[in-house]
Amino acid sequence: MEKITIREAGSADVNQIMLIEDESFHENIRESKAAFLERIAHFPEGFLLLEINSKVCGYISSEIWDHPENITEDSFALSHRISEVHTTAGKELYVSSVGILKKHRGKGYGDLLFTELSGRVSKRYPISSIILLVSESWPAARKIYERNGFVELRRIPGFFSEEKRYNGIVMRKRL
């Protein structure tokens, strides 16, 4: 039987996080090691790791924003500085990235990470909603979010540049 653990990430985990990032995303849309290190340092309780039998197999990272109604494309810029947008007094949890090793996908671990993150953060901070951006080319991820009560707010044309350009779908869930 597999032993599943979810814990906060530390800077020592960044190389394993980067392996998951490399396996999860096209090279044009991968986050940088520096961005992950800053997120871990700035908001460790918002950066969780999934361990299976003591091996890091997935992650979810987030930050807390003021509750902006005028969300722009710049809000979601790749490898943006968490220190410029994160505020513990904010009302909205932004899920900035989720990755699971391929051999562990389709087993509910994305749902597990998502549920654990939203539960932990909403107990400590006064968030009233969760927001994220997903590519239209990632139907499995969209299904997870829709199952968890997210609704589409808007689309950002051509936001994701993979083999070709895909629209970004901004989704929000009210708590």
N, C-alpha and C. Protein backbone atom coordinates (compact mmCIF):
# COMPACT_ATOMS: atom_id res chain seq x y z
N MET A 1 0.83 -1.19 0.00
CA MET A 1 0.00 0.00 0.00
C MET A 1 0.88 1.25 0.00
N GLU A 2 0.47 2.22 -0.80
CA GLU A 2 1.25 3.46 -0.90
C GLU A 2 0.99 4.37 0.29
N LYS A 3 2.06 4.97 0.80
CA LYS A 3 1.94 5.95 1.88
C LYS A 3 1.91 7.34 1.24
N ILE A 4 0.79 8.04 1.40
CA ILE A 4 0.60 9.37 0.83
C ILE A 4 0.79 10.41 1.92
N THR A 5 1.64 11.40 1.65
CA THR A 5 1.88 12.50 2.58
C THR A 5 1.79 13.80 1.80
N ILE A 6 1.20 14.82 2.42
CA ILE A 6 1.21 16.17 1.86
C ILE A 6 1.88 17.07 2.88
N ARG A 7 2.88 17.81 2.42
CA ARG A 7 3.63 18.68 3.32
C ARG A 7 4.01 19.97 2.60
N GLU A 8 4.44 20.95 3.39
CA GLU A 8 4.93 22.20 2.82
C GLU A 8 6.27 21.96 2.13
N ALA A 9 6.50 22.67 1.04
CA ALA A 9 7.77 22.59 0.33
C ALA A 9 8.82 23.41 1.06
N GLY A 10 10.07 23.01 0.91
CA GLY A 10 11.21 23.77 1.39
C GLY A 10 12.18 23.99 0.24
N SER A 11 13.11 24.89 0.42
CA SER A 11 14.05 25.19 -0.67
C SER A 11 14.84 23.95 -1.11
N ALA A 12 15.07 23.01 -0.21
CA ALA A 12 15.80 21.79 -0.56
C ALA A 12 15.02 20.91 -1.55
N ASP A 13 13.72 21.18 -1.72
CA ASP A 13 12.88 20.39 -2.62
C ASP A 13 12.88 20.91 -4.06
N VAL A 14 13.52 22.04 -4.31
CA VAL A 14 13.34 22.71 -5.60
C VAL A 14 13.81 21.87 -6.79
N ASN A 15 14.84 21.07 -6.65
CA ASN A 15 15.28 20.26 -7.80
C ASN A 15 14.24 19.21 -8.17
N GLN A 16 13.60 18.60 -7.18
CA GLN A 16 12.54 17.63 -7.47
C GLN A 16 11.33 18.34 -8.07
N ILE A 17 11.02 19.54 -7.57
CA ILE A 17 9.92 20.32 -8.14
C ILE A 17 10.20 20.63 -9.61
N MET A 18 11.43 20.97 -9.93
CA MET A 18 11.79 21.28 -11.31
C MET A 18 11.68 20.05 -12.22
N LEU A 19 11.98 18.86 -11.70
CA LEU A 19 11.80 17.64 -12.49
C LEU A 19 10.32 17.44 -12.82
N ILE A 20 9.45 17.69 -11.85
CA ILE A 20 8.01 17.57 -12.08
C ILE A 20 7.55 18.63 -13.07
N GLU A 21 8.04 19.85 -12.90
CA GLU A 21 7.70 20.95 -13.82
C GLU A 21 8.10 20.60 -15.25
N ASP A 22 9.31 20.08 -15.42
CA ASP A 22 9.80 19.71 -16.75
C ASP A 22 8.95 18.62 -17.39
N GLU A 23 8.47 17.69 -16.59
CA GLU A 23 7.66 16.59 -17.10
C GLU A 23 6.21 17.02 -17.34
N SER A 24 5.78 18.08 -16.67
CA SER A 24 4.38 18.48 -16.71
C SER A 24 4.05 19.54 -17.76
N PHE A 25 5.03 20.36 -18.13
CA PHE A 25 4.73 21.51 -18.98
C PHE A 25 5.68 21.62 -20.17
N HIS A 26 5.16 22.14 -21.25
CA HIS A 26 5.97 22.45 -22.43
C HIS A 26 7.06 23.45 -22.04
N GLU A 27 8.23 23.34 -22.66
CA GLU A 27 9.36 24.19 -22.28
C GLU A 27 9.05 25.68 -22.37
N ASN A 28 8.12 26.08 -23.22
CA ASN A 28 7.79 27.50 -23.36
C ASN A 28 6.98 28.05 -22.20
N ILE A 29 6.40 27.18 -21.39
CA ILE A 29 5.53 27.66 -20.31
C ILE A 29 5.93 27.13 -18.93
N ARG A 30 7.16 26.71 -18.80
CA ARG A 30 7.64 26.25 -17.50
C ARG A 30 8.01 27.43 -16.62
N GLU A 31 7.76 27.27 -15.34
CA GLU A 31 8.19 28.27 -14.36
C GLU A 31 9.69 28.12 -14.13
N SER A 32 10.32 29.18 -13.66
CA SER A 32 11.76 29.14 -13.39
C SER A 32 12.04 28.64 -11.98
N LYS A 33 13.23 28.12 -11.78
CA LYS A 33 13.66 27.69 -10.46
C LYS A 33 13.62 28.87 -9.49
N ALA A 34 14.04 30.04 -9.95
CA ALA A 34 14.04 31.24 -9.10
C ALA A 34 12.62 31.59 -8.65
N ALA A 35 11.64 31.46 -9.55
CA ALA A 35 10.25 31.75 -9.18
C ALA A 35 9.77 30.79 -8.11
N PHE A 36 10.09 29.51 -8.26
CA PHE A 36 9.67 28.53 -7.25
C PHE A 36 10.35 28.80 -5.90
N LEU A 37 11.63 29.11 -5.92
CA LEU A 37 12.33 29.40 -4.66
C LEU A 37 11.73 30.62 -3.96
N GLU A 38 11.37 31.64 -4.74
CA GLU A 38 10.75 32.82 -4.14
C GLU A 38 9.38 32.47 -3.55
N ARG A 39 8.59 31.67 -4.26
CA ARG A 39 7.27 31.28 -3.77
C ARG A 39 7.38 30.48 -2.47
N ILE A 40 8.34 29.57 -2.43
CA ILE A 40 8.54 28.77 -1.21
C ILE A 40 8.94 29.67 -0.05
N ALA A 41 9.86 30.60 -0.28
CA ALA A 41 10.34 31.48 0.78
C ALA A 41 9.25 32.45 1.24
N HIS A 42 8.45 32.94 0.30
CA HIS A 42 7.48 33.99 0.62
C HIS A 42 6.17 33.46 1.20
N PHE A 43 5.74 32.28 0.76
CA PHE A 43 4.44 31.74 1.19
C PHE A 43 4.53 30.21 1.26
N PRO A 44 5.33 29.68 2.21
CA PRO A 44 5.53 28.23 2.26
C PRO A 44 4.25 27.44 2.52
N GLU A 45 3.31 28.02 3.28
CA GLU A 45 2.06 27.30 3.54
C GLU A 45 1.17 27.23 2.31
N GLY A 46 1.52 27.98 1.27
CA GLY A 46 0.79 27.93 0.01
C GLY A 46 1.49 27.13 -1.07
N PHE A 47 2.56 26.41 -0.68
CA PHE A 47 3.30 25.58 -1.64
C PHE A 47 3.41 24.19 -1.03
N LEU A 48 2.57 23.28 -1.51
CA LEU A 48 2.50 21.94 -0.94
C LEU A 48 3.07 20.89 -1.88
N LEU A 49 3.63 19.85 -1.28
CA LEU A 49 4.16 18.72 -2.03
C LEU A 49 3.37 17.46 -1.72
N LEU A 50 3.21 16.63 -2.73
CA LEU A 50 2.62 15.30 -2.59
C LEU A 50 3.77 14.31 -2.59
N GLU A 51 3.86 13.52 -1.53
CA GLU A 51 4.86 12.45 -1.46
C GLU A 51 4.15 11.11 -1.49
N ILE A 52 4.69 10.21 -2.29
CA ILE A 52 4.21 8.83 -2.32
C ILE A 52 5.40 7.97 -1.90
N ASN A 53 5.23 7.28 -0.79
CA ASN A 53 6.32 6.48 -0.23
C ASN A 53 7.60 7.31 -0.08
N SER A 54 7.45 8.50 0.46
CA SER A 54 8.55 9.43 0.76
C SER A 54 9.24 10.02 -0.47
N LYS A 55 8.65 9.87 -1.66
CA LYS A 55 9.21 10.46 -2.88
C LYS A 55 8.28 11.56 -3.36
N VAL A 56 8.84 12.75 -3.62
CA VAL A 56 8.03 13.87 -4.11
C VAL A 56 7.54 13.55 -5.52
N CYS A 57 6.21 13.54 -5.69
CA CYS A 57 5.60 13.16 -6.96
C CYS A 57 4.68 14.24 -7.53
N GLY A 58 4.43 15.29 -6.74
CA GLY A 58 3.55 16.35 -7.21
C GLY A 58 3.69 17.58 -6.35
N TYR A 59 3.19 18.69 -6.87
CA TYR A 59 3.21 19.94 -6.11
C TYR A 59 2.04 20.82 -6.51
N ILE A 60 1.73 21.78 -5.65
CA ILE A 60 0.78 22.84 -5.96
C ILE A 60 1.31 24.11 -5.30
N SER A 61 1.32 25.21 -6.05
CA SER A 61 1.80 26.47 -5.49
C SER A 61 0.72 27.53 -5.64
N SER A 62 0.76 28.50 -4.73
CA SER A 62 -0.29 29.52 -4.71
C SER A 62 0.22 30.80 -4.09
N GLU A 63 -0.63 31.80 -4.16
CA GLU A 63 -0.38 33.08 -3.50
C GLU A 63 -1.73 33.72 -3.21
N ILE A 64 -1.74 34.69 -2.33
CA ILE A 64 -2.99 35.37 -1.99
C ILE A 64 -2.96 36.76 -2.60
N TRP A 65 -4.04 37.10 -3.31
CA TRP A 65 -4.17 38.40 -3.96
C TRP A 65 -5.29 39.19 -3.29
N ASP A 66 -5.25 40.52 -3.49
CA ASP A 66 -6.45 41.30 -3.25
C ASP A 66 -7.47 40.73 -4.22
N HIS A 67 -8.73 40.96 -3.97
CA HIS A 67 -9.78 40.38 -4.82
C HIS A 67 -10.02 41.29 -6.02
N PRO A 68 -9.23 41.15 -7.08
CA PRO A 68 -9.36 42.06 -8.21
C PRO A 68 -10.49 41.65 -9.16
N GLU A 69 -11.31 42.58 -9.52
CA GLU A 69 -12.33 42.29 -10.54
C GLU A 69 -11.78 42.57 -11.93
N ASN A 70 -10.81 43.46 -12.02
CA ASN A 70 -10.18 43.75 -13.31
C ASN A 70 -8.92 42.92 -13.45
N ILE A 71 -9.08 41.67 -13.75
CA ILE A 71 -7.95 40.77 -13.90
C ILE A 71 -7.40 40.94 -15.31
N THR A 72 -6.11 41.18 -15.39
CA THR A 72 -5.48 41.35 -16.70
C THR A 72 -4.55 40.17 -16.98
N GLU A 73 -4.13 40.09 -18.22
CA GLU A 73 -3.19 39.05 -18.62
C GLU A 73 -1.91 39.14 -17.79
N ASP A 74 -1.48 40.36 -17.47
CA ASP A 74 -0.26 40.55 -16.69
C ASP A 74 -0.34 39.91 -15.30
N SER A 75 -1.55 39.79 -14.77
CA SER A 75 -1.72 39.17 -13.46
C SER A 75 -1.19 37.74 -13.43
N PHE A 76 -1.21 37.09 -14.59
CA PHE A 76 -0.85 35.68 -14.68
C PHE A 76 0.52 35.44 -15.33
N ALA A 77 1.34 36.47 -15.44
CA ALA A 77 2.62 36.36 -16.14
C ALA A 77 3.47 35.22 -15.59
N LEU A 78 4.06 34.46 -16.48
CA LEU A 78 4.92 33.34 -16.12
C LEU A 78 6.10 33.84 -15.29
N SER A 79 6.38 33.13 -14.22
CA SER A 79 7.50 33.44 -13.32
C SER A 79 7.44 34.85 -12.74
N HIS A 80 6.20 35.37 -12.56
CA HIS A 80 6.07 36.69 -11.94
C HIS A 80 6.57 36.65 -10.50
N ARG A 81 6.83 37.79 -9.93
CA ARG A 81 7.35 37.89 -8.57
C ARG A 81 6.20 37.84 -7.56
N ILE A 82 6.16 36.80 -6.76
CA ILE A 82 5.13 36.68 -5.73
C ILE A 82 5.19 37.85 -4.76
N SER A 83 6.39 38.35 -4.50
CA SER A 83 6.56 39.45 -3.55
C SER A 83 5.86 40.72 -4.00
N GLU A 84 5.54 40.84 -5.28
CA GLU A 84 4.88 42.03 -5.80
C GLU A 84 3.36 41.94 -5.75
N VAL A 85 2.81 40.75 -5.53
CA VAL A 85 1.35 40.59 -5.58
C VAL A 85 0.75 39.92 -4.34
N HIS A 86 1.53 39.14 -3.63
CA HIS A 86 1.01 38.38 -2.49
C HIS A 86 0.73 39.28 -1.30
N THR A 87 -0.45 39.12 -0.71
CA THR A 87 -0.79 39.84 0.51
C THR A 87 -1.65 38.94 1.40
N THR A 88 -1.22 38.73 2.62
CA THR A 88 -1.97 37.85 3.52
C THR A 88 -3.31 38.46 3.92
N ALA A 89 -3.51 39.74 3.64
CA ALA A 89 -4.81 40.38 3.91
C ALA A 89 -5.76 40.23 2.72
N GLY A 90 -5.28 39.62 1.64
CA GLY A 90 -6.10 39.47 0.45
C GLY A 90 -7.25 38.50 0.64
N LYS A 91 -8.16 38.52 -0.31
CA LYS A 91 -9.37 37.69 -0.24
C LYS A 91 -9.41 36.59 -1.29
N GLU A 92 -8.40 36.55 -2.16
CA GLU A 92 -8.45 35.57 -3.25
C GLU A 92 -7.17 34.74 -3.28
N LEU A 93 -7.34 33.43 -3.31
CA LEU A 93 -6.21 32.51 -3.44
C LEU A 93 -6.00 32.25 -4.92
N TYR A 94 -4.81 32.56 -5.40
CA TYR A 94 -4.45 32.27 -6.79
C TYR A 94 -3.61 31.01 -6.83
N VAL A 95 -4.10 29.98 -7.49
CA VAL A 95 -3.34 28.74 -7.67
C VAL A 95 -2.46 28.95 -8.90
N SER A 96 -1.16 29.12 -8.65
CA SER A 96 -0.25 29.50 -9.73
C SER A 96 0.28 28.31 -10.52
N SER A 97 0.37 27.14 -9.92
CA SER A 97 0.90 25.99 -10.66
C SER A 97 0.58 24.68 -9.93
N VAL A 98 0.32 23.66 -10.72
CA VAL A 98 0.11 22.30 -10.21
C VAL A 98 0.82 21.35 -11.15
N GLY A 99 1.57 20.41 -10.61
CA GLY A 99 2.24 19.41 -11.44
C GLY A 99 2.28 18.06 -10.74
N ILE A 100 2.07 17.01 -11.52
CA ILE A 100 2.12 15.62 -11.02
C ILE A 100 2.97 14.82 -12.00
N LEU A 101 3.85 13.98 -11.47
CA LEU A 101 4.62 13.10 -12.35
C LEU A 101 3.67 12.25 -13.20
N LYS A 102 4.03 12.02 -14.45
CA LYS A 102 3.15 11.31 -15.39
C LYS A 102 2.66 9.97 -14.87
N LYS A 103 3.55 9.21 -14.26
CA LYS A 103 3.14 7.86 -13.83
C LYS A 103 2.13 7.89 -12.68
N HIS A 104 1.90 9.05 -12.10
CA HIS A 104 0.94 9.16 -11.00
C HIS A 104 -0.31 9.95 -11.38
N ARG A 105 -0.43 10.34 -12.63
CA ARG A 105 -1.61 11.09 -13.07
C ARG A 105 -2.81 10.18 -13.22
N GLY A 106 -3.99 10.78 -13.13
CA GLY A 106 -5.23 10.03 -13.29
C GLY A 106 -5.63 9.22 -12.08
N LYS A 107 -4.99 9.49 -10.94
CA LYS A 107 -5.28 8.74 -9.71
C LYS A 107 -5.90 9.61 -8.63
N GLY A 108 -6.27 10.84 -8.99
CA GLY A 108 -6.91 11.72 -8.01
C GLY A 108 -5.97 12.57 -7.18
N TYR A 109 -4.68 12.52 -7.49
CA TYR A 109 -3.72 13.29 -6.68
C TYR A 109 -3.84 14.79 -6.89
N GLY A 110 -4.21 15.22 -8.09
CA GLY A 110 -4.45 16.64 -8.33
C GLY A 110 -5.59 17.15 -7.46
N ASP A 111 -6.68 16.38 -7.43
CA ASP A 111 -7.82 16.72 -6.55
C ASP A 111 -7.38 16.78 -5.09
N LEU A 112 -6.59 15.81 -4.68
CA LEU A 112 -6.13 15.75 -3.29
C LEU A 112 -5.30 16.97 -2.93
N LEU A 113 -4.35 17.34 -3.78
CA LEU A 113 -3.53 18.53 -3.53
C LEU A 113 -4.39 19.78 -3.48
N PHE A 114 -5.30 19.88 -4.41
CA PHE A 114 -6.15 21.06 -4.49
C PHE A 114 -7.02 21.20 -3.24
N THR A 115 -7.63 20.11 -2.82
CA THR A 115 -8.48 20.12 -1.63
C THR A 115 -7.67 20.45 -0.38
N GLU A 116 -6.50 19.87 -0.27
CA GLU A 116 -5.64 20.12 0.89
C GLU A 116 -5.20 21.58 0.94
N LEU A 117 -4.78 22.12 -0.19
CA LEU A 117 -4.34 23.52 -0.23
C LEU A 117 -5.48 24.46 0.14
N SER A 118 -6.63 24.30 -0.50
CA SER A 118 -7.73 25.22 -0.22
C SER A 118 -8.20 25.10 1.22
N GLY A 119 -8.19 23.91 1.78
CA GLY A 119 -8.57 23.73 3.18
C GLY A 119 -7.61 24.39 4.13
N ARG A 120 -6.32 24.16 3.92
CA ARG A 120 -5.31 24.75 4.82
C ARG A 120 -5.31 26.27 4.75
N VAL A 121 -5.32 26.80 3.54
CA VAL A 121 -5.21 28.26 3.39
C VAL A 121 -6.48 28.96 3.89
N SER A 122 -7.65 28.39 3.59
CA SER A 122 -8.88 29.06 4.01
C SER A 122 -9.07 29.04 5.53
N LYS A 123 -8.42 28.13 6.22
CA LYS A 123 -8.48 28.12 7.69
C LYS A 123 -7.62 29.23 8.30
N ARG A 124 -6.55 29.61 7.61
CA ARG A 124 -5.59 30.59 8.15
C ARG A 124 -5.81 32.01 7.64
N TYR A 125 -6.41 32.14 6.46
CA TYR A 125 -6.53 33.45 5.82
C TYR A 125 -7.98 33.70 5.41
N PRO A 126 -8.37 34.98 5.32
CA PRO A 126 -9.77 35.31 5.04
C PRO A 126 -10.14 35.27 3.56
N ILE A 127 -9.79 34.20 2.87
CA ILE A 127 -10.08 34.16 1.44
C ILE A 127 -11.57 33.88 1.19
N SER A 128 -12.08 34.51 0.13
CA SER A 128 -13.48 34.31 -0.23
C SER A 128 -13.62 33.67 -1.61
N SER A 129 -12.50 33.52 -2.31
CA SER A 129 -12.55 32.88 -3.62
C SER A 129 -11.17 32.34 -3.99
N ILE A 130 -11.19 31.46 -4.98
CA ILE A 130 -9.96 30.88 -5.53
C ILE A 130 -10.00 31.12 -7.03
N ILE A 131 -8.87 31.54 -7.58
CA ILE A 131 -8.79 31.82 -9.01
C ILE A 131 -7.60 31.06 -9.60
N LEU A 132 -7.70 30.73 -10.87
CA LEU A 132 -6.61 30.05 -11.57
C LEU A 132 -6.73 30.30 -13.06
N LEU A 133 -5.69 29.94 -13.77
CA LEU A 133 -5.66 30.04 -15.22
C LEU A 133 -5.28 28.67 -15.76
N VAL A 134 -6.05 28.19 -16.73
CA VAL A 134 -5.79 26.87 -17.30
C VAL A 134 -5.81 26.99 -18.82
N SER A 135 -4.99 26.22 -19.49
CA SER A 135 -4.97 26.22 -20.95
C SER A 135 -6.15 25.44 -21.49
N GLU A 136 -6.69 25.92 -22.59
CA GLU A 136 -7.78 25.18 -23.23
C GLU A 136 -7.29 23.82 -23.74
N SER A 137 -5.97 23.63 -23.80
CA SER A 137 -5.42 22.35 -24.27
C SER A 137 -5.23 21.33 -23.15
N TRP A 138 -5.69 21.66 -21.94
CA TRP A 138 -5.55 20.75 -20.79
C TRP A 138 -6.93 20.32 -20.28
N PRO A 139 -7.66 19.50 -21.02
CA PRO A 139 -9.02 19.13 -20.61
C PRO A 139 -9.09 18.39 -19.28
N ALA A 140 -8.10 17.58 -18.96
CA ALA A 140 -8.14 16.84 -17.68
C ALA A 140 -8.08 17.81 -16.51
N ALA A 141 -7.23 18.82 -16.61
CA ALA A 141 -7.14 19.81 -15.53
C ALA A 141 -8.45 20.59 -15.41
N ARG A 142 -9.02 20.97 -16.54
CA ARG A 142 -10.30 21.70 -16.50
C ARG A 142 -11.38 20.88 -15.81
N LYS A 143 -11.41 19.57 -16.06
CA LYS A 143 -12.41 18.72 -15.42
C LYS A 143 -12.25 18.72 -13.91
N ILE A 144 -11.00 18.67 -13.43
CA ILE A 144 -10.76 18.73 -11.98
C ILE A 144 -11.33 20.02 -11.42
N TYR A 145 -11.05 21.13 -12.08
CA TYR A 145 -11.51 22.43 -11.57
C TYR A 145 -13.03 22.54 -11.62
N GLU A 146 -13.63 22.12 -12.72
CA GLU A 146 -15.09 22.17 -12.83
C GLU A 146 -15.75 21.29 -11.78
N ARG A 147 -15.18 20.10 -11.53
CA ARG A 147 -15.70 19.21 -10.50
C ARG A 147 -15.64 19.86 -9.12
N ASN A 148 -14.65 20.73 -8.95
CA ASN A 148 -14.47 21.42 -7.68
C ASN A 148 -15.21 22.75 -7.60
N GLY A 149 -16.10 23.01 -8.54
CA GLY A 149 -16.96 24.19 -8.45
C GLY A 149 -16.46 25.44 -9.13
N PHE A 150 -15.43 25.35 -9.94
CA PHE A 150 -14.92 26.52 -10.66
C PHE A 150 -15.78 26.81 -11.88
N VAL A 151 -15.92 28.10 -12.17
CA VAL A 151 -16.64 28.53 -13.36
C VAL A 151 -15.73 29.44 -14.18
N GLU A 152 -15.93 29.40 -15.48
CA GLU A 152 -15.12 30.22 -16.37
C GLU A 152 -15.52 31.69 -16.24
N LEU A 153 -14.52 32.56 -16.08
CA LEU A 153 -14.75 34.00 -16.02
C LEU A 153 -14.53 34.65 -17.37
N ARG A 154 -13.41 34.30 -17.98
CA ARG A 154 -13.06 34.89 -19.27
C ARG A 154 -11.93 34.08 -19.91
N ARG A 155 -11.64 34.43 -21.14
CA ARG A 155 -10.53 33.79 -21.86
C ARG A 155 -9.51 34.85 -22.25
N ILE A 156 -8.25 34.44 -22.22
CA ILE A 156 -7.16 35.31 -22.65
C ILE A 156 -6.62 34.69 -23.94
N PRO A 157 -6.91 35.32 -25.09
CA PRO A 157 -6.52 34.74 -26.38
C PRO A 157 -5.01 34.50 -26.48
N GLY A 158 -4.64 33.29 -26.91
CA GLY A 158 -3.26 32.95 -27.19
C GLY A 158 -2.30 33.06 -26.03
N PHE A 159 -2.78 32.96 -24.80
CA PHE A 159 -1.92 33.15 -23.63
C PHE A 159 -0.82 32.10 -23.52
N PHE A 160 -1.18 30.84 -23.79
CA PHE A 160 -0.23 29.74 -23.65
C PHE A 160 0.45 29.46 -24.99
N SER A 161 1.77 29.48 -24.99
CA SER A 161 2.54 29.22 -26.20
C SER A 161 3.24 27.88 -26.04
N GLU A 162 2.57 26.83 -26.51
CA GLU A 162 3.15 25.49 -26.47
C GLU A 162 3.64 25.18 -27.88
N GLU A 163 3.22 24.06 -28.47
CA GLU A 163 3.57 23.81 -29.87
C GLU A 163 2.90 24.86 -30.75
N LYS A 164 1.73 25.29 -30.32
CA LYS A 164 1.02 26.42 -30.93
C LYS A 164 0.42 27.23 -29.79
N ARG A 165 -0.27 28.30 -30.11
CA ARG A 165 -0.84 29.17 -29.08
C ARG A 165 -2.24 28.69 -28.70
N TYR A 166 -2.48 28.65 -27.39
CA TYR A 166 -3.79 28.25 -26.87
C TYR A 166 -4.33 29.35 -25.98
N ASN A 167 -5.65 29.44 -25.95
CA ASN A 167 -6.28 30.42 -25.06
C ASN A 167 -6.11 30.00 -23.61
N GLY A 168 -5.96 30.99 -22.76
CA GLY A 168 -5.97 30.75 -21.32
C GLY A 168 -7.39 30.95 -20.81
N ILE A 169 -7.84 30.09 -19.93
CA ILE A 169 -9.19 30.19 -19.37
C ILE A 169 -9.06 30.56 -17.90
N VAL A 170 -9.55 31.74 -17.54
CA VAL A 170 -9.54 32.18 -16.15
C VAL A 170 -10.78 31.59 -15.49
N MET A 171 -10.57 30.88 -14.37
CA MET A 171 -11.67 30.24 -13.65
C MET A 171 -11.64 30.67 -12.20
N ARG A 172 -12.83 30.80 -11.60
CA ARG A 172 -12.92 31.22 -10.20
C ARG A 172 -13.97 30.36 -9.49
N LYS A 173 -13.69 30.15 -8.22
CA LYS A 173 -14.63 29.47 -7.33
C LYS A 173 -14.85 30.36 -6.13
N ARG A 174 -16.10 30.66 -5.84
CA ARG A 174 -16.45 31.43 -4.64
C ARG A 174 -16.56 30.46 -3.47
N LEU A 175 -16.05 30.87 -2.33
CA LEU A 175 -16.12 30.02 -1.13
C LEU A 175 -17.27 30.44 -0.24
